[in-house]
Amino acid sequence: MKKALKLFGILSIALLFLASCDDDDDPKDNNVFVGTYEGAIGYTNGDESKSNDNGEVTVVKVGDKYNFRFSDGIPSIKDVEIEKGENKFEIDWTEGSIITIDESNLNIKMYKDGEAWTANCKRK
């Protein structure tokens, strides 16, 4: 009987430990990606083209969505929604478009409605 109670106690503690291990840094629940990233940025819309090898992209969280604010008069990318997961996300809005971000790096290749944004940046 003592052996069974001991085993039950160990299993209970193990279950409690495993249940309490949660991904506390889920990007959906915190501001892990918020900040300024520096590097090469670019934008084209058919009529105009802008680029800067030393540009900035500021990532801002609004509710559960993210905005990417570019320097140098480049229009922002707004209302990007991510799913719960690792401390990294990739989003593919249209074929050939992708945003990859983690705590240190931001890469954007996005094409939408005749506009194209690019960024290859590191956290400031």
Protein backbone atom coordinates (compact mmCIF):
# COMPACT_ATOMS: atom_id res chain seq x y z
CA MET A 1 0.00 0.00 0.00
CA LYS A 2 2.84 2.39 0.87
CA LYS A 3 4.41 1.63 -2.48
CA ALA A 4 1.16 2.46 -4.31
CA LEU A 5 0.74 5.75 -2.41
CA LYS A 6 4.36 6.68 -3.11
CA LEU A 7 3.89 5.93 -6.82
CA PHE A 8 0.63 7.91 -6.86
CA GLY A 9 2.38 10.87 -5.19
CA ILE A 10 5.25 10.82 -7.70
CA LEU A 11 2.84 10.61 -10.63
CA SER A 12 0.76 13.48 -9.20
CA ILE A 13 3.81 15.71 -8.82
CA ALA A 14 5.02 14.81 -12.33
CA LEU A 15 1.60 15.58 -13.79
CA LEU A 16 1.45 18.90 -11.94
CA PHE A 17 4.94 19.81 -13.19
CA LEU A 18 4.11 18.93 -16.80
CA ALA A 19 0.80 20.80 -16.69
CA SER A 20 2.51 23.94 -15.40
CA CYS A 21 5.06 23.94 -18.22
CA ASP A 22 3.47 26.28 -20.72
CA ASP A 23 4.97 28.37 -23.50
CA ASP A 24 4.98 31.65 -21.57
CA ASP A 25 6.66 33.50 -24.43
CA ASP A 26 4.01 32.83 -27.02
CA PRO A 27 4.01 35.78 -29.44
CA LYS A 28 0.22 35.89 -29.36
CA ASP A 29 0.33 36.63 -25.62
CA ASN A 30 3.25 39.05 -25.26
CA ASN A 31 5.45 41.58 -27.00
CA VAL A 32 8.46 39.41 -27.89
CA PHE A 33 8.68 40.80 -31.46
CA VAL A 34 7.92 44.44 -30.65
CA GLY A 35 10.83 46.76 -31.31
CA THR A 36 12.97 48.31 -34.01
CA TYR A 37 14.92 46.32 -36.57
CA GLU A 38 17.67 47.86 -38.76
CA GLY A 39 18.90 46.81 -42.17
CA ALA A 40 18.10 46.84 -45.87
CA ILE A 41 14.51 47.83 -46.71
CA GLY A 42 12.72 48.48 -49.97
CA TYR A 43 9.36 49.28 -51.54
CA THR A 44 7.93 49.52 -55.06
CA ASN A 45 4.42 50.17 -56.32
CA GLY A 46 4.90 50.44 -60.06
CA ASP A 47 5.32 54.24 -60.14
CA GLU A 48 7.86 54.67 -57.39
CA SER A 49 10.70 52.78 -55.81
CA LYS A 50 12.33 53.43 -52.43
CA SER A 51 15.18 51.63 -50.72
CA ASN A 52 17.72 52.13 -47.96
CA ASP A 53 20.49 49.77 -46.85
CA ASN A 54 20.36 51.37 -43.38
CA GLY A 55 16.61 51.64 -42.93
CA GLU A 56 14.42 50.70 -40.00
CA VAL A 57 11.25 48.71 -39.46
CA THR A 58 9.43 49.21 -36.17
CA VAL A 59 7.17 46.35 -35.11
CA VAL A 60 4.14 47.45 -33.09
CA LYS A 61 1.55 45.15 -31.51
CA VAL A 62 -2.06 46.33 -31.50
CA GLY A 63 -4.29 43.79 -29.76
CA ASP A 64 -3.53 40.45 -31.42
CA LYS A 65 -2.24 42.06 -34.62
CA TYR A 66 1.11 43.50 -35.66
CA ASN A 67 1.97 46.58 -37.70
CA PHE A 68 5.30 46.99 -39.50
CA ARG A 69 6.25 50.68 -39.76
CA PHE A 70 9.01 51.40 -42.27
CA SER A 71 11.34 54.41 -42.29
CA ASP A 72 12.11 56.52 -45.38
CA GLY A 73 8.49 57.20 -46.34
CA ILE A 74 7.72 53.56 -47.09
CA PRO A 75 4.07 52.69 -46.34
CA SER A 76 3.38 50.48 -43.33
CA ILE A 77 2.15 46.90 -43.45
CA LYS A 78 -0.80 46.77 -41.05
CA ASP A 79 -3.02 44.27 -39.26
CA VAL A 80 -0.83 41.17 -39.55
CA GLU A 81 -2.38 38.43 -37.40
CA ILE A 82 -0.33 35.50 -36.13
CA GLU A 83 -1.26 32.18 -34.61
CA LYS A 84 -0.05 30.75 -31.32
CA GLY A 85 3.16 28.83 -31.71
CA GLU A 86 6.88 29.12 -31.24
CA ASN A 87 8.69 32.42 -30.70
CA LYS A 88 8.87 32.77 -34.45
CA PHE A 89 6.27 33.12 -37.12
CA GLU A 90 5.93 33.04 -40.84
CA ILE A 91 2.94 34.33 -42.70
CA ASP A 92 2.20 33.76 -46.38
CA TRP A 93 -0.46 36.24 -47.54
CA THR A 94 -0.22 35.58 -51.23
CA GLU A 95 1.89 33.24 -53.28
CA GLY A 96 5.49 34.37 -53.01
CA SER A 97 4.92 36.65 -49.99
CA ILE A 98 6.39 35.86 -46.60
CA ILE A 99 7.21 37.59 -43.32
CA THR A 100 9.61 35.79 -40.98
CA ILE A 101 10.37 37.26 -37.57
CA ASP A 102 11.99 36.16 -34.32
CA GLU A 103 13.56 37.99 -31.37
CA SER A 104 16.63 38.96 -33.46
CA ASN A 105 15.73 39.01 -37.16
CA LEU A 106 13.03 40.33 -39.47
CA ASN A 107 12.73 39.30 -43.12
CA ILE A 108 9.92 40.51 -45.36
CA LYS A 109 9.14 39.69 -48.98
CA MET A 110 5.57 40.78 -49.47
CA TYR A 111 3.57 41.43 -52.61
CA LYS A 112 0.03 42.75 -52.37
CA ASP A 113 -2.17 44.76 -54.77
CA GLY A 114 0.73 45.79 -57.02
CA GLU A 115 2.94 46.83 -54.11
CA ALA A 116 6.11 45.08 -52.94
CA TRP A 117 7.91 45.42 -49.59
CA THR A 118 11.28 43.91 -48.67
CA ALA A 119 13.30 43.92 -45.47
CA ASN A 120 16.36 42.08 -44.23
CA CYS A 121 16.91 43.47 -40.74
CA LYS A 122 18.39 42.72 -37.32
CA ARG A 123 17.05 43.95 -33.98
CA LYS A 124 18.45 47.32 -32.98
